[in-house]
Protein backbone atom coordinates (compact mmCIF):
# COMPACT_ATOMS: atom_id res chain seq x y z
CA MET A 1 0.00 0.00 0.00
CA ARG A 2 2.86 2.35 0.74
CA ALA A 3 4.27 1.79 -2.75
CA ILE A 4 0.98 2.86 -4.32
CA ALA A 5 0.82 6.01 -2.18
CA GLU A 6 4.42 6.90 -3.00
CA PHE A 7 3.76 6.42 -6.71
CA ILE A 8 0.66 8.65 -6.56
CA MET A 9 2.54 11.45 -4.81
CA ARG A 10 5.61 11.20 -7.04
CA GLY A 11 4.19 13.72 -9.51
CA ARG A 12 1.18 14.95 -11.43
CA VAL A 13 1.59 12.42 -14.23
CA GLN A 14 1.72 9.47 -11.84
CA ALA A 15 -1.27 10.73 -9.84
CA THR A 16 -3.29 11.26 -13.05
CA LEU A 17 -2.39 7.78 -14.25
CA VAL A 18 -3.67 6.13 -11.07
CA VAL A 19 -6.78 8.28 -10.59
CA VAL A 20 -7.92 8.15 -14.22
CA GLY A 21 -6.79 4.59 -14.93
CA SER A 22 -8.54 3.11 -11.91
CA ALA A 23 -11.71 5.11 -12.68
CA ALA A 24 -11.75 3.54 -16.15
CA LEU A 25 -11.67 0.00 -14.72
CA PRO A 26 -15.03 -1.26 -13.40
CA LEU A 27 -13.79 -2.87 -10.17
CA LEU A 28 -11.21 -0.22 -9.19
CA PHE A 29 -13.42 2.86 -8.84
CA TRP A 30 -12.67 2.82 -5.11
CA LEU A 31 -8.94 3.18 -5.83
CA SER A 32 -9.64 6.24 -7.98
CA ALA A 33 -11.61 7.86 -5.16
CA ALA A 34 -8.97 7.00 -2.53
CA ALA A 35 -6.11 8.26 -4.71
CA GLY A 36 -8.00 11.44 -5.53
CA SER A 37 -8.68 12.08 -1.84
CA LEU A 38 -4.98 11.59 -1.06
CA VAL A 39 -4.01 14.21 -3.65
CA LEU A 40 -6.66 16.60 -2.39
CA LEU A 41 -5.77 16.13 1.28
CA ARG A 42 -2.09 16.71 0.66
CA ARG A 43 -2.02 19.31 -2.10
CA GLY A 44 -5.38 21.06 -1.81
CA LEU A 45 -8.19 21.52 -4.28
CA SER A 46 -6.37 23.95 -6.59
CA ASP A 47 -3.50 21.54 -7.28
CA ALA A 48 -5.73 18.46 -7.41
CA LEU A 49 -8.45 19.95 -9.62
CA GLY A 50 -6.65 19.31 -12.91
CA ILE A 51 -6.02 15.66 -12.02
CA LEU A 52 -9.55 15.09 -10.78
CA ALA A 53 -11.11 16.72 -13.84
CA TRP A 54 -9.57 14.01 -16.04
CA ALA A 55 -11.04 11.33 -13.78
CA MET A 56 -14.52 12.68 -14.48
CA LEU A 57 -14.31 11.53 -18.11
CA PRO A 58 -14.33 7.76 -17.47
CA ALA A 59 -16.70 8.27 -14.52
CA ILE A 60 -19.22 10.05 -16.75
CA GLY A 61 -18.72 7.33 -19.34
CA TRP A 62 -19.65 4.66 -16.82
CA TRP A 63 -22.70 6.70 -15.83
CA TYR A 64 -23.78 6.74 -19.49
CA PHE A 65 -23.64 2.93 -19.57
CA GLY A 66 -25.77 2.67 -16.42
CA GLU A 67 -23.03 2.37 -13.78
CA PRO A 68 -23.35 5.28 -11.32
CA ARG A 69 -20.94 4.11 -8.62
CA THR A 70 -17.75 5.49 -10.13
CA LEU A 71 -18.98 9.08 -10.43
CA LEU A 72 -20.99 9.14 -7.21
CA VAL A 73 -18.26 7.64 -5.03
CA LEU A 74 -15.57 9.83 -6.60
CA LEU A 75 -17.49 13.07 -6.08
CA GLY A 76 -18.73 12.03 -2.63
CA THR A 77 -15.29 11.04 -1.38
CA LEU A 78 -13.75 14.27 -2.64
CA GLY A 79 -16.50 16.29 -0.95
CA LEU A 80 -15.81 14.59 2.38
CA ALA A 81 -12.05 15.04 1.83
CA LEU A 82 -12.61 18.79 1.50
CA LEU A 83 -14.28 18.79 4.92
CA LEU A 84 -11.47 16.77 6.45
CA ARG A 85 -8.85 19.06 4.93
CA ALA A 86 -10.72 22.00 6.51
CA ASN A 87 -9.87 20.41 9.90
CA LEU A 88 -13.37 19.17 10.68
CA PRO A 89 -13.26 16.33 13.22
CA TRP A 90 -14.13 12.86 12.07
CA SER A 91 -17.40 13.00 14.01
CA ARG A 92 -18.56 15.95 11.88
CA VAL A 93 -17.37 14.26 8.70
CA LEU A 94 -19.42 11.19 9.60
CA LEU A 95 -22.46 13.37 10.21
CA CYS A 96 -21.97 15.05 6.83
CA SER A 97 -21.83 11.61 5.25
CA VAL A 98 -25.53 11.26 6.12
CA ALA A 99 -26.25 14.31 3.95
CA LEU A 100 -24.09 12.76 1.25
CA GLY A 101 -26.11 9.56 1.54
CA LEU A 102 -29.31 11.57 1.11
CA VAL A 103 -27.87 13.07 -2.08
CA TYR A 104 -27.04 9.58 -3.27
CA GLY A 105 -30.58 8.47 -2.49
CA VAL A 106 -32.19 11.40 -4.31
CA VAL A 107 -29.99 10.87 -7.37
CA LEU A 108 -30.60 7.13 -7.44
CA GLY A 109 -34.34 7.61 -6.95
CA ALA A 110 -34.53 10.16 -9.78
CA VAL A 111 -32.20 8.62 -12.35
CA PHE A 112 -32.60 4.92 -11.64
CA ARG A 113 -36.20 4.84 -10.48
CA GLU A 114 -37.36 2.08 -12.86
CA PRO A 115 -34.77 -0.60 -11.94
CA ILE A 116 -35.18 0.18 -8.23
CA GLU A 117 -38.97 -0.14 -8.49
CA ALA A 118 -38.54 -3.42 -10.37
CA MET A 119 -36.37 -4.77 -7.55
CA ALA A 120 -38.91 -3.49 -5.01
CA LEU A 121 -41.71 -5.38 -6.78
CA GLU A 122 -39.70 -8.59 -6.62
CA LEU A 123 -39.09 -8.05 -2.91
CA GLN A 124 -42.79 -7.44 -2.34
CA LYS A 125 -43.54 -10.80 -3.95
CA LEU A 126 -41.06 -12.49 -1.61
CA MET A 127 -42.32 -10.62 1.46
CA PRO A 128 -44.85 -13.30 2.57
CA GLN A 129 -42.09 -15.94 2.52
CA MET A 130 -39.54 -13.70 4.23
CA LEU A 131 -41.92 -12.70 7.04
CA GLU A 132 -43.54 -16.17 7.23
CA GLY A 133 -46.77 -16.00 9.21
CA VAL A 134 -46.37 -12.38 10.29
CA HIS A 135 -47.27 -11.01 6.86
CA GLN A 136 -50.65 -12.80 6.82
CA GLN A 137 -51.56 -11.31 10.19
CA LEU A 138 -51.17 -7.74 8.94
CA SER A 139 -54.22 -5.75 7.96
CA VAL A 140 -54.74 -4.45 4.44
CA ASP A 141 -53.62 -0.95 5.43
CA GLU A 142 -50.52 -2.30 7.18
CA ARG A 143 -49.59 -4.35 4.14
CA ALA A 144 -50.05 -1.31 1.90
CA ARG A 145 -47.85 0.77 4.19
CA LEU A 146 -45.22 -1.97 4.25
CA ASP A 147 -45.23 -2.18 0.46
CA SER A 148 -44.87 1.59 0.19
CA LEU A 149 -41.71 1.48 2.32
CA VAL A 150 -39.92 -1.18 0.26
CA ALA A 151 -38.70 1.07 -2.56
CA PRO A 152 -37.50 3.96 -0.31
CA VAL A 153 -35.74 1.57 2.08
CA LEU A 154 -34.13 -0.25 -0.84
CA THR A 155 -32.96 3.08 -2.23
CA GLY A 156 -31.64 3.99 1.20
CA LEU A 157 -29.74 0.71 1.49
CA ILE A 158 -28.05 1.23 -1.87
CA ALA A 159 -27.25 4.84 -0.93
CA ALA A 160 -25.91 3.69 2.47
CA LEU A 161 -23.63 1.19 0.72
CA LEU A 162 -22.24 4.00 -1.45
CA GLN A 163 -21.91 6.11 1.72
CA VAL A 164 -19.86 3.35 3.38
CA VAL A 165 -17.64 2.96 0.31
CA SER A 166 -17.07 6.73 0.17
CA LEU A 167 -16.02 6.82 3.83
CA LEU A 168 -13.72 3.82 3.36
CA CYS A 169 -12.08 5.50 0.36
CA LEU A 170 -11.58 8.66 2.39
CA MET A 171 -10.06 6.67 5.25
CA LEU A 172 -7.73 4.90 2.85
CA GLY A 173 -6.60 8.24 1.44
CA ARG A 174 -6.09 9.59 4.97
CA TYR A 175 -4.17 6.45 5.93
CA TRP A 176 -1.88 6.90 2.92
CA GLN A 177 -1.33 10.55 3.84
CA ALA A 178 -0.37 9.59 7.40
CA LEU A 179 1.79 6.72 6.19
CA LEU A 180 3.88 9.07 4.06
CA TYR A 181 3.92 12.28 6.08
CA ASN A 182 2.67 11.57 9.62
CA PRO A 183 3.27 7.95 10.66
CA GLY A 184 0.70 6.79 13.20
CA GLY A 185 -1.46 9.88 12.67
CA PHE A 186 -4.46 8.10 11.19
CA GLY A 187 -4.34 5.46 13.90
CA ARG A 188 -4.50 8.12 16.60
CA GLU A 189 -7.36 9.89 14.82
CA PHE A 190 -9.39 6.73 14.33
CA HIS A 191 -8.77 5.36 17.81
CA ALA A 192 -10.05 8.64 19.29
CA LEU A 193 -13.18 8.77 17.11
CA ARG A 194 -16.21 9.09 19.39
CA LEU A 195 -19.56 10.65 18.62
CA PRO A 196 -20.80 13.34 21.04
CA ILE A 197 -23.95 12.40 22.92
CA PRO A 198 -26.27 14.84 21.05
CA LEU A 199 -24.99 13.64 17.70
CA ALA A 200 -25.32 9.97 18.59
CA LEU A 201 -28.86 10.47 19.88
CA LEU A 202 -29.77 12.49 16.78
CA LEU A 203 -28.58 9.68 14.51
CA PHE A 204 -30.38 7.09 16.61
CA ALA A 205 -33.58 9.14 16.41
CA GLY A 206 -33.18 9.31 12.63
CA MET A 207 -32.95 5.52 12.52
CA LEU A 208 -36.08 5.04 14.62
CA LEU A 209 -38.26 7.89 13.42
CA GLY A 210 -37.30 8.01 9.73
CA PRO A 211 -39.85 5.39 8.58
CA ASN A 212 -42.59 7.18 10.58
CA LEU A 213 -42.00 10.52 8.86
CA GLY A 214 -43.19 9.30 5.48
CA ALA A 215 -42.29 6.74 2.84
CA GLN A 216 -39.46 8.78 1.32
CA ALA A 217 -37.97 9.55 4.74
CA ALA A 218 -37.61 5.81 5.37
CA MET A 219 -34.20 5.90 3.69
CA LEU A 220 -32.91 7.85 6.72
CA ALA A 221 -32.78 4.66 8.80
CA PRO A 222 -29.87 2.97 6.99
CA LEU A 223 -28.10 6.28 6.29
CA CYS A 224 -28.09 7.33 9.96
CA SER A 225 -26.78 3.94 11.04
CA VAL A 226 -23.56 4.26 9.03
CA PRO A 227 -21.80 6.86 11.27
CA LEU A 228 -22.77 4.86 14.35
CA MET A 229 -21.34 1.69 12.83
CA PHE A 230 -18.03 3.41 12.06
CA ALA A 231 -17.94 4.83 15.59
CA GLY A 232 -18.49 1.32 16.96
CA VAL A 233 -15.61 -0.03 14.87
CA ALA A 234 -13.38 2.85 16.03
CA LEU A 235 -14.29 2.04 19.65
CA LEU A 236 -13.10 -1.55 19.29
CA HIS A 237 -9.91 -0.43 17.51
CA GLY A 238 -9.24 2.06 20.31
CA LEU A 239 -9.84 -0.47 23.07
CA VAL A 240 -7.55 -3.02 21.41
CA ALA A 241 -4.84 -0.37 21.02
CA GLN A 242 -5.18 0.92 24.59
CA GLY A 243 -5.24 -2.56 26.05
CA GLY A 244 -2.27 -3.74 24.00
CA LEU A 245 -4.33 -6.68 22.72
CA ALA A 246 -3.44 -8.79 19.69
CA LYS A 247 -4.77 -7.84 16.24
CA PHE A 248 -6.53 -11.21 16.25
CA TRP A 249 -9.49 -9.58 18.01
CA LEU A 250 -9.92 -7.04 15.20
CA ILE A 251 -9.65 -9.74 12.54
CA GLY A 252 -12.31 -11.70 14.38
CA MET A 253 -14.55 -8.63 14.48
CA TYR A 254 -14.31 -8.07 10.73
CA VAL A 255 -14.85 -11.75 9.92
CA THR A 256 -17.90 -11.78 12.19
CA LEU A 257 -19.17 -8.58 10.58
CA LEU A 258 -18.95 -10.14 7.12
CA LEU A 259 -20.47 -13.49 8.07
CA PHE A 260 -23.14 -12.32 10.53
CA MET A 261 -23.78 -8.73 9.49
CA GLN A 262 -27.45 -8.83 10.52
CA LEU A 263 -26.30 -9.39 14.12
CA THR A 264 -22.92 -7.65 14.30
CA TYR A 265 -23.96 -4.41 12.58
CA PRO A 266 -26.70 -3.53 15.11
CA LEU A 267 -24.33 -4.47 17.94
CA LEU A 268 -21.74 -1.97 16.67
CA VAL A 269 -24.44 0.70 16.47
CA VAL A 270 -25.49 0.03 20.08
CA LEU A 271 -21.86 0.06 21.25
CA ALA A 272 -21.32 3.46 19.63
CA ILE A 273 -24.36 4.92 21.39
CA VAL A 274 -23.36 3.47 24.76
CA ASP A 275 -19.78 4.70 24.28
CA SER A 276 -21.10 8.22 23.62
CA LEU A 277 -22.71 8.07 27.05
CA PHE A 278 -19.93 6.40 29.06
CA ASP A 279 -16.66 7.00 27.10
CA PHE A 280 -15.04 3.60 27.58
CA ARG A 281 -11.66 4.68 26.17
CA GLY A 282 -11.52 7.69 28.47
CA ARG A 283 -12.31 5.54 31.49
CA LEU A 284 -9.66 3.00 30.48
CA ALA A 285 -7.05 5.74 30.00
CA ARG A 286 -7.75 7.10 33.48
CA LYS A 287 -7.09 3.75 35.10
CA PRO A 288 -3.56 3.40 36.55
CA GLY A 289 -1.30 1.20 34.48
CA SER A 290 -3.41 1.34 31.33
CA GLY A 291 -1.34 1.10 28.17
CA SER A 292 -1.58 2.90 24.86
CA ALA A 293 -0.54 2.27 21.30
CA ASP A 294 -0.05 4.59 18.38
CA GLY A 295 -0.18 2.06 15.58
CA GLU A 296 -2.32 2.46 12.51
CA GLY A 297 -4.79 -0.05 13.87
């Protein structure tokens, strides 16, 4: 990874080659966004603008052929990178990612309405099997309301996935920046990431109340969960670093998240909310004899 970062920062030609070349390849759009964020974080928007403008060409081309991820993730990651370069804390950047997710949802709902509605219809057909006997016990009005929420929630889930990818690309770019110019800096930032209590409660309220504010507002539920999930992951990274524990615990967390996401994801959200209230890392640091680590985690 260090070799890639060094190659990107070697000069304008090398950076353009990576950013544009990876944007042109269908499975490497994330690398284009991460490389672009590295250039922007280090050199600023004025120096990076010429490089990033070239990356828009293949991204727009993919949009024309019905693939929106390249352009959306590239623009979204760069927008978040601008906020991070302006010295906004990670907690604020995560909050702004919810607004970015809403933009993703609006764009997807407007431009790709027909394929999303087609997927929603297929899900509605499978709903009786997925909910087993519960679906038959619902009244006609409750079934109609449930059906009306399928398309917005599906749009929100797709937008939340793009939101997660954008944040991961930004974190990769920040990691590269720290690796080259401030070793251990990203690890310290990420280990200290903790959402303030009002922000955590606001996001939790968005998760719970979003579906009750109307069909279109239902997409708020998955979008508001993303910052809480990242805060939960940062909590575990910070505790492992402070406790001097083996990286095995983090590997186990990620494997569990991939295999049992329906259980692990809500647990991370709950951990983030509880940590906002009790500050586990702060309590551990105040204990005599507690260790610390400045690795990248």
